[in-house]
Amino acid sequence: MSQATRQRFRSAPWLLRRADQAAVGTLTLIALVAVAGYWTVQGGGRGGMIEIDRAEPRHAAFEVDLNAATWPELAQLPDVGEVLAKRIVESRETEGPFLDHDGLRRVRGIGPKTLNRIRPYLRPMASSETIVDAQSKREPIP
């Protein structure tokens, strides 16, 4: 380095005054102590924090109404993907509403095994008389 460059670095003022540097250092220290305290309270010292890889899986319970659900809702059912969900909606639109859960068997791709796997996620059906009456009167199904 040249003499002029060294002189320029020596005479350059600090960005912060000594009092400001002390204030920033104190605030940083307080923040570190607060983070360490939070970590300790949350169980970090004893291993009580939840590790997502070791957490027990939780399943959401949901039910789907066959006669009102859209294909994205139906696609959430086990073993029912986008294609099969669209077939269910198409069958409902062309052949009318499903009278019971077993009516799903009319959809290509749904057999007894698939029906048994998705049955716990299906809402109970209204009585067949209510569906037939509503369809003949063009009223919404309750």
Foldseek 3Di string as FASTA:
>chain_A
DDPVVVVCVVPDDDPDDPVVVVVVVVVVVVVVVVVVVVCVVCPVVPPNHDDVVPDDDDDDAAADELLPDQLVVVCPFPPRHSVQSVQSVVCCVPVHHDQFLVSSCVRPPDDPVNSVRRVSRYDGGDHSVQRVVCVVVVHDRD
